Amino acid sequence: MLGKLEPAQIDEMLYNGSIGRIGCYAAGRTYIIPMNYAYDGDNIYGRSITGTKLDIMRINPEVCFQVDQVKNLSNWKSVIAWGTFQELEGEEAAKALHLLVQRLTMLIASGQSLHEMRITGALADDDDLEQKKITVYRIHLAEKTGRFEMTE
């Protein structure tokens, strides 16, 4: 059976997910990449070092975000959302980074994983943002849709 997800089911998938894909487009080029994220009910929050993704989103801030749950080819759910990219600074960036760290820490399997994330800089605090040139951003979602397929 194919169907559409209800708004509450869409939000549940966005809240419970941790890896999504962001799609962006500029200068004749489409770019889709996976990312860790946190969701607050209105916005997707992410962080990134300088690179192609940020360059493209700065040129064209209208982006698409996708998250899915796939058990097999006949049992899956997918959410697609459209929104606007915005770089965050100061207090807003610190709050977003705290939300991201909170979300990622909950998903870590072991203390060793957490230690390795700190060593590699994956979990940076707001003092590290300037040194590592980490950009914290949000995607304010304007539209969300979801579909599913499940065997009966």
Foldseek 3Di string as FASTA:
>chain_A
DKDWDDPVRLVVQQQPDFKKWKWFDDDHDIDIDIFGWHDDPFKTKGKDADDDVVVRCVRPQWMKMKDKDDPDPQWIKMKMFIFGKDWDDDPVQQVRLVRRVVVVVVVDDDPVSVVVCVVVVVNPHPVCCVVRVMIMMMTGTDDMIMMTGHDD
